[in-house]
Amino acid sequence: MLWTLISLALAAGPLYATQASDISEPEPLVTRFVSTNNPGVSLRFVSDSGVCETTPGVHQLSGYIDVGTNMSMWFWFFESRNSPETAPFALWLNGGPGCSSMIGLFQENGPCLVNPDGATTTINPYSWNNISNMIYIDQPIGTGFSFGNDTVNNTQSAAPFVWQAFQILFESGQFAKFRRREFIFATESYGGHYGPAFVTYFNQQNALIARGLIRGVKVVVSALMINNGWYDPLIQNEAYVHFATNAPGYGRLQSDEVLHQMNASFFGPGGCREQEEACYAAGTGPESNQICRDADDFCIDNVFSPAVGDRDANDLRQSGNSTTPFPPNFYLNFLNLNSTRQKIGAEVARFRACANAPFNLFVRTGDDARTLLPQLAALANSGMKILIWAGDADINCNWLGGHASVLAMDWYGKKRLARTPFHNMTINGAPVAATQNVDNFSFARVYQAGHEVPAFQPQASFEIFKQVINMEQLHSVNVGPSANGSIRVTRHTAKNEEWRQHLEHTVSYKAQRNMEDRLADAGQRNKALVIKE
């Protein structure tokens, strides 16, 4: 869902003025690399700033990928704390559109958490860079610390710039070693659009490279993770009605009167369902923009907003008017300190969690009202490792809507997923999630977690991330007292080479699995959770 809805507390956080005690730092040494393959594309960064990641011997880079004329895309890279020479390579993108991936870095799965003073940090023991090399990117241009000409106005047009970013990253001496590593694409929220679209575009470009039609470096994604994603607005807008009626584990969220109004607004003549169907039927041409924008506006005002009421859209357990929201916004002050920005090489005078400019461009094309389910289904049909997961206290991109979306998805495992019961995933015997697994596809409802799952359930999220890296189905584990004590990561480079070879056989793989699915369909049919139509 659009960031004005999913990030009310985040986006509305104050823009802190520089503190009087904030002392300017000496200008850091900036390393520059100019692409020989893509004229006009360059990389410039600061090495080992000492900000956030303070683990001895763990390297970091932060700076800009100049993906075009006056188009500077911010990135922050952290080496893995363990075996960086063999650990996988993971990308994290926040959603919005227009919301910074610094949200994920500082509130969710990055190396540090900002203290209440807004000026110092504490090591995050459940940082995902315990077991993976991690890169966080602010996109599209105008998001977070990125700046310049913003021409991106929909999900599809954003993909080539992220592809371009990885072209120069993997060309450079600093990142070339990651080309053949396992590549994990992790994202959330509007990432339900970004993930399927971007990975699809990467695969298309890889195919052109293989055929010799373009020059470039293949970017082979081995696993896609999307938490609390926005995949299919028609399905997920209906889910607001069901979730407000009975949020599993939390009960009814709204009164009879509000629920009656929501039902009428969704199912009634000229309602949200009809308008979303009109958007889908309109296609993707310019004439569809107003139709889809109108549908989105109507559904937000008459279905989503009543479902939320006075609660926090990202966590139904919190008030929407809370002055102390969780996760806290301490990082906003930290990133607006002159000393922080200078050390990391950021060139934007004021950091905002979510930016208006890119958001407004997406609004004009009605991008939020469009479905990315066909692209996600195609990736599932390829056999790619995919995890769709969600915190169960999130209203905004709630797990009922996410689950209904994957149940509707047209892929070879559709029937098997529908009859697969949920199983508890436990950590040391304590339930943390309800999971379903079908081959390389997994769905998880994470208990007692809001929109930003790793912020609410850091250990569970870390263990889930680890299992995705290991190309495992989700399962229960017993772990020691610390994240580092439970690390078991294998099959990195070899596994990605297997995946590269497998991509050449996806058609036969899909046919084989369809045949197996038809055979299995004649057998036992134990039903999973059914979303009421």
Protein backbone atom coordinates (compact mmCIF):
# COMPACT_ATOMS: atom_id res chain seq x y z
CA MET A 1 0.00 0.00 0.00
CA LEU A 2 1.18 3.52 -0.63
CA TRP A 3 3.53 4.91 2.00
CA THR A 4 1.16 7.56 3.29
CA LEU A 5 -0.86 4.67 4.60
CA ILE A 6 1.79 2.18 5.64
CA SER A 7 4.22 4.56 7.23
CA LEU A 8 2.16 7.15 9.04
CA ALA A 9 4.37 7.10 12.10
CA LEU A 10 7.56 6.79 10.10
CA ALA A 11 6.87 9.45 7.54
CA ALA A 12 5.32 11.84 9.99
CA GLY A 13 8.37 11.65 12.22
CA PRO A 14 9.98 15.02 12.83
CA LEU A 15 12.81 16.29 10.69
CA TYR A 16 15.32 16.97 13.39
CA ALA A 17 17.46 20.08 13.14
CA THR A 18 21.17 19.59 13.56
CA GLN A 19 22.04 19.58 17.23
CA ALA A 20 24.25 22.36 18.57
CA SER A 21 26.66 19.72 19.85
CA ASP A 22 26.87 18.09 16.42
CA ILE A 23 30.46 18.73 15.38
CA SER A 24 31.40 18.61 11.71
CA GLU A 25 33.84 15.89 10.72
CA PRO A 26 36.75 16.10 8.28
CA GLU A 27 35.73 15.28 4.72
CA PRO A 28 36.08 11.50 4.20
CA LEU A 29 38.17 9.99 1.42
CA VAL A 30 35.89 9.19 -1.50
CA THR A 31 36.83 6.41 -3.91
CA ARG A 32 35.55 6.73 -7.47
CA PHE A 33 35.04 4.09 -10.14
CA VAL A 34 33.86 4.86 -13.67
CA SER A 35 32.26 2.12 -15.73
CA THR A 36 34.01 1.04 -18.92
CA ASN A 37 30.90 -0.82 -20.08
CA ASN A 38 28.27 1.86 -19.44
CA PRO A 39 29.34 5.42 -20.29
CA GLY A 40 28.06 7.97 -17.82
CA VAL A 41 27.64 5.45 -15.02
CA SER A 42 29.96 5.66 -12.03
CA LEU A 43 30.40 4.62 -8.42
CA ARG A 44 31.68 6.75 -5.54
CA PHE A 45 31.88 5.67 -1.94
CA VAL A 46 33.43 5.99 1.49
CA SER A 47 35.11 2.92 2.98
CA ASP A 48 34.88 1.79 6.59
CA SER A 49 33.26 4.88 8.09
CA GLY A 50 32.85 3.14 11.44
CA VAL A 51 29.19 4.18 11.52
CA CYS A 52 26.64 1.59 12.66
CA GLU A 53 28.77 -1.53 12.10
CA THR A 54 31.45 -1.50 14.78
CA THR A 55 32.36 -5.19 14.78
CA PRO A 56 36.16 -5.37 14.44
CA GLY A 57 37.33 -6.40 10.99
CA VAL A 58 33.94 -6.08 9.30
CA HIS A 59 34.14 -3.79 6.28
CA GLN A 60 31.50 -1.43 4.97
CA LEU A 61 31.03 0.92 2.02
CA SER A 62 28.52 3.75 1.64
CA GLY A 63 27.95 6.20 -1.18
CA TYR A 64 26.37 6.71 -4.56
CA ILE A 65 25.77 4.86 -7.78
CA ASP A 66 25.42 7.48 -10.50
CA VAL A 67 23.03 5.57 -12.76
CA GLY A 68 22.55 8.46 -15.19
CA THR A 69 23.03 12.18 -15.66
CA ASN A 70 22.15 13.85 -12.35
CA MET A 71 20.76 10.58 -10.99
CA SER A 72 22.55 9.47 -7.83
CA MET A 73 21.29 6.34 -6.07
CA TRP A 74 22.36 5.86 -2.45
CA PHE A 75 23.69 2.53 -1.19
CA TRP A 76 25.14 1.22 2.05
CA PHE A 77 26.96 -2.11 2.06
CA PHE A 78 28.00 -4.23 5.03
CA GLU A 79 30.26 -7.21 4.77
CA SER A 80 29.15 -10.40 6.49
CA ARG A 81 30.41 -10.74 10.05
CA ASN A 82 31.09 -14.41 9.35
CA SER A 83 32.89 -15.89 6.33
CA PRO A 84 32.35 -12.89 4.03
CA GLU A 85 34.46 -14.61 1.37
CA THR A 86 31.79 -17.32 0.93
CA ALA A 87 28.64 -15.81 2.47
CA PRO A 88 25.77 -14.92 0.12
CA PHE A 89 24.94 -11.45 -1.14
CA ALA A 90 21.58 -9.95 -0.16
CA LEU A 91 19.75 -6.82 -1.27
CA TRP A 92 17.24 -5.10 1.01
CA LEU A 93 14.67 -2.66 -0.38
CA ASN A 94 11.99 -0.87 1.59
CA GLY A 95 8.78 0.10 -0.13
CA GLY A 96 6.68 3.22 -0.29
CA PRO A 97 7.06 4.02 -3.09
CA GLY A 98 9.62 6.56 -1.94
CA CYS A 99 10.52 5.06 1.45
CA SER A 100 14.17 4.71 2.32
CA SER A 101 15.87 1.38 2.89
CA MET A 102 17.53 3.06 5.86
CA ILE A 103 14.26 2.14 7.59
CA GLY A 104 15.14 -1.52 7.20
CA LEU A 105 18.76 -0.92 8.06
CA PHE A 106 18.13 0.93 11.33
CA GLN A 107 14.76 -0.42 12.47
CA GLU A 108 14.75 -3.98 11.20
CA ASN A 109 17.72 -6.09 10.16
CA GLY A 110 20.83 -3.91 9.94
CA PRO A 111 24.04 -4.12 11.98
CA CYS A 112 22.94 -1.58 14.60
CA LEU A 113 20.03 0.01 16.41
CA VAL A 114 20.00 3.71 17.28
CA ASN A 115 19.80 4.53 20.97
CA PRO A 116 17.17 6.90 22.45
CA ASP A 117 19.69 9.75 22.43
CA GLY A 118 19.53 9.73 18.62
CA ALA A 119 23.32 10.05 18.45
CA THR A 120 24.78 6.67 19.37
CA THR A 121 24.16 3.10 18.28
CA THR A 122 24.12 -0.42 19.70
CA ILE A 123 25.11 -3.59 17.86
CA ASN A 124 22.14 -5.61 16.61
CA PRO A 125 22.83 -9.25 17.54
CA TYR A 126 20.24 -10.42 15.01
CA SER A 127 21.57 -8.39 12.10
CA TRP A 128 21.25 -10.22 8.82
CA ASN A 129 24.89 -9.44 8.08
CA ASN A 130 25.74 -12.06 10.69
CA ILE A 131 25.42 -14.53 7.83
CA SER A 132 25.21 -12.52 4.61
CA ASN A 133 26.86 -9.64 2.84
CA MET A 134 24.12 -6.98 2.85
CA ILE A 135 23.43 -4.00 0.60
CA TYR A 136 20.68 -1.43 1.23
CA ILE A 137 19.63 0.82 -1.67
CA ASP A 138 17.44 3.94 -1.71
CA GLN A 139 15.34 3.89 -4.88
CA PRO A 140 13.83 5.40 -6.95
CA ILE A 141 15.79 8.64 -7.23
CA GLY A 142 14.52 11.13 -4.66
CA THR A 143 14.15 8.47 -1.97
CA GLY A 144 16.15 8.79 1.25
CA PHE A 145 19.70 9.89 0.51
CA SER A 146 19.28 9.44 -3.27
CA PHE A 147 18.95 12.62 -5.30
CA GLY A 148 18.71 14.06 -8.81
CA ASN A 149 16.31 13.83 -11.71
CA ASP A 150 13.44 11.51 -10.84
CA THR A 151 11.80 10.16 -13.98
CA VAL A 152 10.43 6.94 -12.49
CA ASN A 153 6.63 6.96 -12.22
CA ASN A 154 5.76 3.28 -11.86
CA THR A 155 7.17 -0.05 -10.76
CA GLN A 156 8.14 -1.19 -14.24
CA SER A 157 10.15 1.94 -15.00
CA ALA A 158 12.03 1.64 -11.70
CA ALA A 159 13.51 -1.76 -12.55
CA PRO A 160 16.07 -0.68 -15.20
CA PHE A 161 17.75 1.74 -12.79
CA VAL A 162 18.22 -0.91 -10.12
CA TRP A 163 19.57 -3.23 -12.83
CA GLN A 164 21.95 -0.48 -13.90
CA ALA A 165 23.10 -0.10 -10.31
CA PHE A 166 24.12 -3.74 -10.13
CA GLN A 167 25.84 -3.54 -13.50
CA ILE A 168 28.42 -1.10 -12.18
CA LEU A 169 28.54 -2.65 -8.71
CA PHE A 170 29.44 -6.05 -10.16
CA GLU A 171 31.86 -4.43 -12.62
CA SER A 172 33.78 -2.73 -9.82
CA GLY A 173 36.65 -4.34 -7.96
CA GLN A 174 34.82 -4.01 -4.67
CA PHE A 175 31.76 -6.03 -5.74
CA ALA A 176 32.87 -8.22 -8.66
CA LYS A 177 33.53 -11.09 -6.24
CA PHE A 178 29.80 -11.27 -5.48
CA ARG A 179 28.70 -11.90 -9.07
CA ARG A 180 28.40 -15.64 -8.66
CA ARG A 181 27.31 -15.71 -5.04
CA GLU A 182 23.86 -16.69 -3.97
CA PHE A 183 21.80 -13.47 -4.44
CA ILE A 184 18.91 -12.96 -2.03
CA PHE A 185 16.39 -10.26 -3.00
CA ALA A 186 14.63 -9.22 0.23
CA THR A 187 11.98 -6.53 0.39
CA GLU A 188 8.75 -5.56 2.15
CA SER A 189 5.48 -3.68 1.71
CA TYR A 190 5.54 -2.05 -1.75
CA GLY A 191 8.21 -4.65 -2.36
CA GLY A 192 5.24 -6.83 -3.27
CA HIS A 193 5.38 -4.77 -6.47
CA TYR A 194 9.14 -4.21 -6.61
CA GLY A 195 10.23 -7.80 -6.00
CA PRO A 196 8.29 -9.59 -8.76
CA ALA A 197 8.82 -6.78 -11.28
CA PHE A 198 12.53 -6.27 -10.65
CA VAL A 199 13.45 -9.96 -10.59
CA THR A 200 11.43 -10.51 -13.77
CA TYR A 201 13.32 -7.65 -15.43
CA PHE A 202 16.66 -9.04 -14.24
CA ASN A 203 15.79 -12.43 -15.76
CA GLN A 204 14.84 -10.80 -19.06
CA GLN A 205 18.13 -8.90 -19.19
CA ASN A 206 20.06 -12.06 -18.29
CA ALA A 207 18.43 -13.82 -21.24
CA LEU A 208 19.44 -11.01 -23.59
CA ILE A 209 23.02 -11.23 -22.33
CA ALA A 210 23.03 -15.00 -22.85
CA ARG A 211 21.86 -14.52 -26.45
CA GLY A 212 24.54 -11.93 -27.09
CA LEU A 213 22.01 -9.17 -27.75
CA ILE A 214 23.29 -6.86 -25.01
CA ARG A 215 26.50 -6.54 -23.04
CA GLY A 216 26.40 -6.76 -19.30
CA VAL A 217 26.81 -8.77 -16.13
CA LYS A 218 24.12 -11.30 -15.31
CA VAL A 219 22.27 -10.62 -12.07
CA VAL A 220 20.91 -14.02 -11.06
CA VAL A 221 18.52 -13.89 -8.11
CA SER A 222 18.46 -17.20 -6.26
CA ALA A 223 15.78 -16.35 -3.69
CA LEU A 224 13.02 -13.76 -3.28
CA MET A 225 11.70 -12.76 0.16
CA ILE A 226 8.74 -10.39 0.56
CA ASN A 227 7.21 -9.58 3.91
CA ASN A 228 3.86 -7.82 4.30
CA GLY A 229 3.80 -7.18 0.58
CA TRP A 230 1.31 -5.40 -1.66
CA TYR A 231 0.76 -7.88 -4.50
CA ASP A 232 -2.80 -7.75 -5.76
CA PRO A 233 -5.02 -4.77 -4.80
CA LEU A 234 -8.28 -6.45 -5.78
CA ILE A 235 -7.65 -9.38 -3.46
CA GLN A 236 -6.03 -7.39 -0.69
CA ASN A 237 -8.67 -4.67 -0.56
CA GLU A 238 -11.28 -7.37 0.00
CA ALA A 239 -9.06 -8.77 2.74
CA TYR A 240 -9.44 -5.49 4.66
CA VAL A 241 -13.12 -6.31 5.07
CA HIS A 242 -12.36 -9.78 6.42
CA PHE A 243 -9.47 -8.64 8.60
CA ALA A 244 -11.50 -5.83 10.19
CA THR A 245 -14.31 -8.32 10.84
CA ASN A 246 -12.03 -10.84 12.53
CA ALA A 247 -8.27 -10.41 12.68
CA PRO A 248 -7.10 -13.93 13.63
CA GLY A 249 -5.69 -13.86 17.14
CA TYR A 250 -6.94 -10.32 17.78
CA GLY A 251 -10.67 -10.40 17.05
CA ARG A 252 -12.96 -7.76 15.61
CA LEU A 253 -11.35 -4.42 14.83
CA GLN A 254 -14.38 -2.30 13.92
CA SER A 255 -18.05 -1.82 14.81
CA ASP A 256 -21.01 -3.33 12.96
CA GLU A 257 -21.74 0.05 11.41
CA VAL A 258 -18.22 0.44 10.03
CA LEU A 259 -18.13 -3.15 8.78
CA HIS A 260 -21.47 -2.66 7.01
CA GLN A 261 -20.13 0.46 5.32
CA MET A 262 -16.93 -1.34 4.30
CA ASN A 263 -18.87 -4.25 2.78
CA ALA A 264 -21.06 -1.87 0.80
CA SER A 265 -18.05 0.14 -0.35
CA PHE A 266 -16.22 -2.93 -1.57
CA PHE A 267 -18.98 -5.18 -2.96
CA GLY A 268 -21.64 -2.59 -3.86
CA PRO A 269 -22.32 -1.02 -7.28
CA GLY A 270 -19.49 1.28 -8.32
CA GLY A 271 -17.51 0.10 -5.35
CA CYS A 272 -13.90 -0.82 -4.82
CA ARG A 273 -14.19 -4.23 -6.46
CA GLU A 274 -15.80 -2.88 -9.63
CA GLN A 275 -13.28 -0.05 -9.88
CA GLU A 276 -10.31 -2.37 -9.37
CA GLU A 277 -11.68 -4.72 -12.02
CA ALA A 278 -11.97 -1.75 -14.38
CA CYS A 279 -8.35 -0.85 -13.64
CA TYR A 280 -7.20 -4.38 -14.44
CA ALA A 281 -9.23 -4.40 -17.66
CA ALA A 282 -7.79 -1.05 -18.75
CA GLY A 283 -4.33 -2.50 -19.28
CA THR A 284 -1.11 -0.54 -18.84
CA GLY A 285 -1.36 2.23 -21.41
CA PRO A 286 -1.59 5.95 -20.53
CA GLU A 287 -5.39 5.81 -20.75
CA SER A 288 -5.41 3.42 -17.77
CA ASN A 289 -3.69 5.81 -15.38
CA GLN A 290 -6.73 7.83 -14.33
CA ILE A 291 -8.92 4.74 -14.07
CA CYS A 292 -6.46 3.05 -11.76
CA ARG A 293 -5.78 6.19 -9.76
CA ASP A 294 -9.50 6.71 -9.16
CA ALA A 295 -9.88 3.09 -8.09
CA ASP A 296 -6.99 3.41 -5.67
CA ASP A 297 -8.30 6.64 -4.16
CA PHE A 298 -11.77 5.17 -3.66
CA CYS A 299 -10.51 1.96 -2.07
CA ILE A 300 -8.17 3.83 0.27
CA ASP A 301 -10.85 6.24 1.44
CA ASN A 302 -13.73 3.78 1.74
CA VAL A 303 -12.18 0.40 2.56
CA PHE A 304 -8.65 0.76 3.90
CA SER A 305 -9.12 3.82 6.11
CA PRO A 306 -12.26 2.49 7.86
CA ALA A 307 -10.45 -0.82 8.47
CA VAL A 308 -7.67 1.03 10.28
CA GLY A 309 -9.82 3.48 12.21
CA ASP A 310 -7.83 5.02 15.06
CA ARG A 311 -5.30 2.17 15.20
CA ASP A 312 -1.76 2.16 13.88
CA ALA A 313 -2.02 0.78 10.33
CA ASN A 314 1.29 -1.02 10.79
CA ASP A 315 0.44 -2.58 14.16
CA LEU A 316 -3.17 -2.95 15.26
CA ARG A 317 -2.06 -3.18 18.91
CA GLN A 318 -0.89 0.45 18.87
CA SER A 319 -2.82 3.69 18.63
CA GLY A 320 -2.45 5.67 15.45
CA ASN A 321 -1.86 8.75 17.62
CA SER A 322 0.90 7.26 19.76
CA THR A 323 3.76 9.62 20.58
CA THR A 324 6.01 6.63 21.30
CA PRO A 325 5.45 4.28 18.37
CA PHE A 326 7.30 1.01 17.97
CA PRO A 327 9.69 0.63 16.32
CA PRO A 328 11.04 3.97 17.52
CA ASN A 329 12.22 6.70 15.14
CA PHE A 330 15.54 7.45 16.84
CA TYR A 331 17.37 6.83 13.56
CA LEU A 332 15.83 9.97 12.01
CA ASN A 333 17.84 12.18 14.33
CA PHE A 334 20.94 10.06 13.84
CA LEU A 335 20.85 10.35 10.04
CA ASN A 336 20.27 14.10 10.25
CA LEU A 337 23.43 14.74 12.24
CA ASN A 338 26.09 16.49 10.18
CA SER A 339 28.68 14.18 11.67
CA THR A 340 26.82 11.06 10.54
CA ARG A 341 26.19 12.30 7.02
CA GLN A 342 29.77 13.46 6.55
CA LYS A 343 31.26 10.18 7.76
CA ILE A 344 29.15 8.05 5.44
CA GLY A 345 29.41 10.37 2.43
CA ALA A 346 25.74 11.33 2.21
CA GLU A 347 25.16 14.47 0.12
CA VAL A 348 21.53 15.21 1.01
CA ALA A 349 21.07 18.01 3.55
CA ARG A 350 18.01 16.53 5.22
CA PHE A 351 17.07 12.87 5.45
CA ARG A 352 13.40 11.94 5.21
CA ALA A 353 12.15 8.41 5.80
CA CYS A 354 9.59 8.70 2.99
CA ALA A 355 9.72 11.27 0.20
CA ASN A 356 6.81 13.01 -1.50
CA ALA A 357 8.32 13.45 -4.97
CA PRO A 358 8.67 9.80 -6.04
CA PHE A 359 5.46 8.90 -4.25
CA ASN A 360 3.47 11.51 -6.19
CA LEU A 361 4.84 10.27 -9.51
CA PHE A 362 3.61 6.75 -8.77
CA VAL A 363 0.23 8.10 -7.66
CA ARG A 364 -0.31 9.80 -11.01
CA THR A 365 -0.06 6.50 -12.88
CA GLY A 366 -2.24 4.57 -10.44
CA ASP A 367 0.60 2.12 -9.88
CA ASP A 368 -0.68 1.13 -6.43
CA ALA A 369 -3.89 -0.26 -7.96
CA ARG A 370 -2.14 -2.67 -10.32
CA THR A 371 -1.43 -6.34 -9.74
CA LEU A 372 2.00 -7.99 -9.82
CA LEU A 373 0.62 -11.46 -9.14
CA PRO A 374 1.25 -12.79 -12.69
CA GLN A 375 4.95 -11.94 -12.42
CA LEU A 376 5.17 -13.54 -8.98
CA ALA A 377 3.44 -16.65 -10.32
CA ALA A 378 5.91 -16.91 -13.20
CA LEU A 379 8.82 -16.78 -10.76
CA ALA A 380 7.19 -19.49 -8.63
CA ASN A 381 6.71 -21.60 -11.77
CA SER A 382 10.43 -21.29 -12.48
CA GLY A 383 11.21 -23.09 -9.23
CA MET A 384 12.86 -20.05 -7.65
CA LYS A 385 13.11 -20.08 -3.87
CA ILE A 386 10.32 -17.73 -2.70
CA LEU A 387 9.18 -16.75 0.77
CA ILE A 388 6.00 -14.73 1.25
CA TRP A 389 5.71 -13.84 4.93
CA ALA A 390 3.86 -11.35 7.08
CA GLY A 391 3.51 -10.12 10.63
CA ASP A 392 0.00 -10.95 11.81
CA ALA A 393 -0.64 -7.63 13.63
CA ASP A 394 -0.27 -5.54 10.46
CA ILE A 395 -3.50 -4.11 9.06
CA ASN A 396 -1.99 -2.39 6.07
CA CYS A 397 -0.59 -5.34 4.10
CA ASN A 398 -2.18 -7.92 6.37
CA TRP A 399 -1.39 -11.60 6.21
CA LEU A 400 -4.93 -12.59 5.22
CA GLY A 401 -4.59 -10.55 2.03
CA GLY A 402 -1.11 -11.88 1.37
CA HIS A 403 -2.26 -15.45 1.86
CA ALA A 404 -5.35 -14.97 -0.29
CA SER A 405 -3.08 -13.56 -3.01
CA VAL A 406 -0.79 -16.59 -3.11
CA LEU A 407 -3.78 -18.95 -2.98
CA ALA A 408 -5.11 -17.20 -6.10
CA MET A 409 -1.74 -17.20 -7.84
CA ASP A 410 -1.63 -19.27 -11.05
CA TRP A 411 1.33 -21.58 -10.55
CA TYR A 412 2.00 -25.30 -10.55
CA GLY A 413 1.76 -25.62 -6.74
CA LYS A 414 -1.53 -23.76 -6.36
CA LYS A 415 -3.66 -26.79 -5.46
CA ARG A 416 -1.00 -28.28 -3.22
CA LEU A 417 -0.67 -25.03 -1.29
CA ALA A 418 -4.45 -24.84 -0.79
CA ARG A 419 -4.53 -28.29 0.81
CA THR A 420 -1.34 -27.92 2.83
CA PRO A 421 -2.14 -27.31 6.51
CA PHE A 422 -0.34 -24.67 8.52
CA HIS A 423 2.35 -25.98 10.85
CA ASN A 424 3.86 -24.16 13.79
CA MET A 425 7.46 -23.14 13.37
CA THR A 426 9.06 -23.06 16.81
CA ILE A 427 12.33 -21.74 18.19
CA ASN A 428 13.43 -23.66 21.25
CA GLY A 429 9.89 -24.99 21.50
CA ALA A 430 8.15 -21.59 21.40
CA PRO A 431 5.83 -20.99 18.41
CA VAL A 432 6.95 -18.05 16.25
CA ALA A 433 5.09 -18.57 12.98
CA ALA A 434 2.50 -20.62 11.11
CA THR A 435 4.05 -21.95 7.91
CA GLN A 436 3.23 -23.72 4.67
CA ASN A 437 5.82 -25.22 2.32
CA VAL A 438 5.40 -26.43 -1.25
CA ASP A 439 8.75 -27.30 -2.81
CA ASN A 440 10.73 -24.03 -2.98
CA PHE A 441 7.73 -21.87 -2.08
CA SER A 442 6.94 -20.98 1.54
CA PHE A 443 4.34 -18.84 3.27
CA ALA A 444 4.63 -17.72 6.89
CA ARG A 445 2.36 -15.84 9.28
CA VAL A 446 4.68 -14.47 11.96
CA TYR A 447 2.99 -14.20 15.33
CA GLN A 448 2.85 -10.93 17.28
CA ALA A 449 4.62 -8.91 14.60
CA GLY A 450 3.61 -5.72 12.84
CA HIS A 451 4.43 -4.47 9.36
CA GLU A 452 8.21 -4.41 9.88
CA VAL A 453 8.55 -8.04 10.93
CA PRO A 454 12.27 -8.05 11.87
CA ALA A 455 11.71 -5.12 14.24
CA PHE A 456 9.07 -7.02 16.20
CA GLN A 457 10.46 -10.55 15.96
CA PRO A 458 14.21 -10.19 15.33
CA GLN A 459 15.23 -13.73 16.27
CA ALA A 460 12.44 -15.40 14.31
CA SER A 461 13.19 -13.21 11.29
CA PHE A 462 16.88 -14.02 11.50
CA GLU A 463 16.21 -17.77 11.66
CA ILE A 464 13.78 -17.50 8.72
CA PHE A 465 16.35 -15.55 6.71
CA LYS A 466 18.94 -18.21 7.50
CA GLN A 467 16.68 -20.99 6.26
CA VAL A 468 16.02 -19.12 3.02
CA ILE A 469 19.77 -18.69 2.53
CA ASN A 470 20.22 -22.43 3.05
CA MET A 471 17.46 -23.08 0.49
CA GLU A 472 15.49 -24.95 3.15
CA GLN A 473 11.78 -25.20 3.74
CA LEU A 474 10.73 -23.37 6.90
CA HIS A 475 11.05 -25.57 9.96
CA SER A 476 11.43 -25.50 13.73
CA VAL A 477 14.87 -25.03 15.27
CA ASN A 478 16.67 -25.15 18.58
CA VAL A 479 19.32 -22.46 18.89
CA GLY A 480 21.77 -21.15 21.42
CA PRO A 481 21.51 -17.86 23.31
CA SER A 482 22.91 -15.68 20.52
CA ALA A 483 22.42 -15.26 16.82
CA ASN A 484 26.08 -15.89 16.12
CA GLY A 485 25.95 -19.11 18.08
CA SER A 486 23.35 -20.58 15.75
CA ILE A 487 24.89 -19.84 12.38
CA ARG A 488 24.96 -22.63 9.85
CA VAL A 489 25.27 -21.37 6.32
CA THR A 490 26.25 -23.65 3.46
CA ARG A 491 26.08 -24.14 -0.30
CA HIS A 492 26.72 -20.52 -1.27
CA THR A 493 28.67 -20.42 -4.53
CA ALA A 494 27.90 -24.00 -5.49
CA LYS A 495 24.20 -23.52 -4.88
CA ASN A 496 24.07 -20.42 -7.05
CA GLU A 497 25.85 -22.29 -9.85
CA GLU A 498 23.19 -25.00 -9.56
CA TRP A 499 20.56 -22.27 -9.84
CA ARG A 500 22.17 -20.82 -12.97
CA GLN A 501 22.09 -24.23 -14.61
CA HIS A 502 18.54 -24.82 -13.42
CA LEU A 503 17.28 -21.65 -15.11
CA GLU A 504 17.92 -23.33 -18.46
CA HIS A 505 15.45 -26.09 -17.56
CA THR A 506 12.55 -24.19 -16.02
CA VAL A 507 10.06 -25.17 -18.73
CA SER A 508 10.63 -28.89 -18.24
CA TYR A 509 10.64 -28.38 -14.46
CA LYS A 510 7.24 -26.70 -14.57
CA ALA A 511 5.81 -29.47 -16.77
CA GLN A 512 7.13 -32.14 -14.42
CA ARG A 513 5.66 -30.42 -11.34
CA ASN A 514 2.30 -29.91 -13.06
CA MET A 515 2.13 -33.64 -13.75
CA GLU A 516 3.03 -34.44 -10.14
CA ASP A 517 0.41 -31.94 -8.97
CA ARG A 518 -2.31 -33.58 -11.05
CA LEU A 519 -1.40 -36.97 -9.60
CA ALA A 520 -1.35 -35.60 -6.06
CA ASP A 521 -4.71 -33.94 -6.62
CA ALA A 522 -6.33 -37.37 -6.69
CA GLY A 523 -5.01 -38.12 -3.22
CA GLN A 524 -5.66 -36.75 0.24
CA ARG A 525 -7.10 -33.19 0.37
CA ASN A 526 -6.46 -31.78 3.81
CA LYS A 527 -7.59 -28.16 3.54
CA ALA A 528 -5.53 -25.17 4.56
CA LEU A 529 -7.06 -21.96 5.82
CA VAL A 530 -9.72 -20.77 3.37
CA ILE A 531 -10.28 -17.06 2.96
CA LYS A 532 -14.00 -16.35 2.77
CA GLU A 533 -14.92 -14.92 -0.63
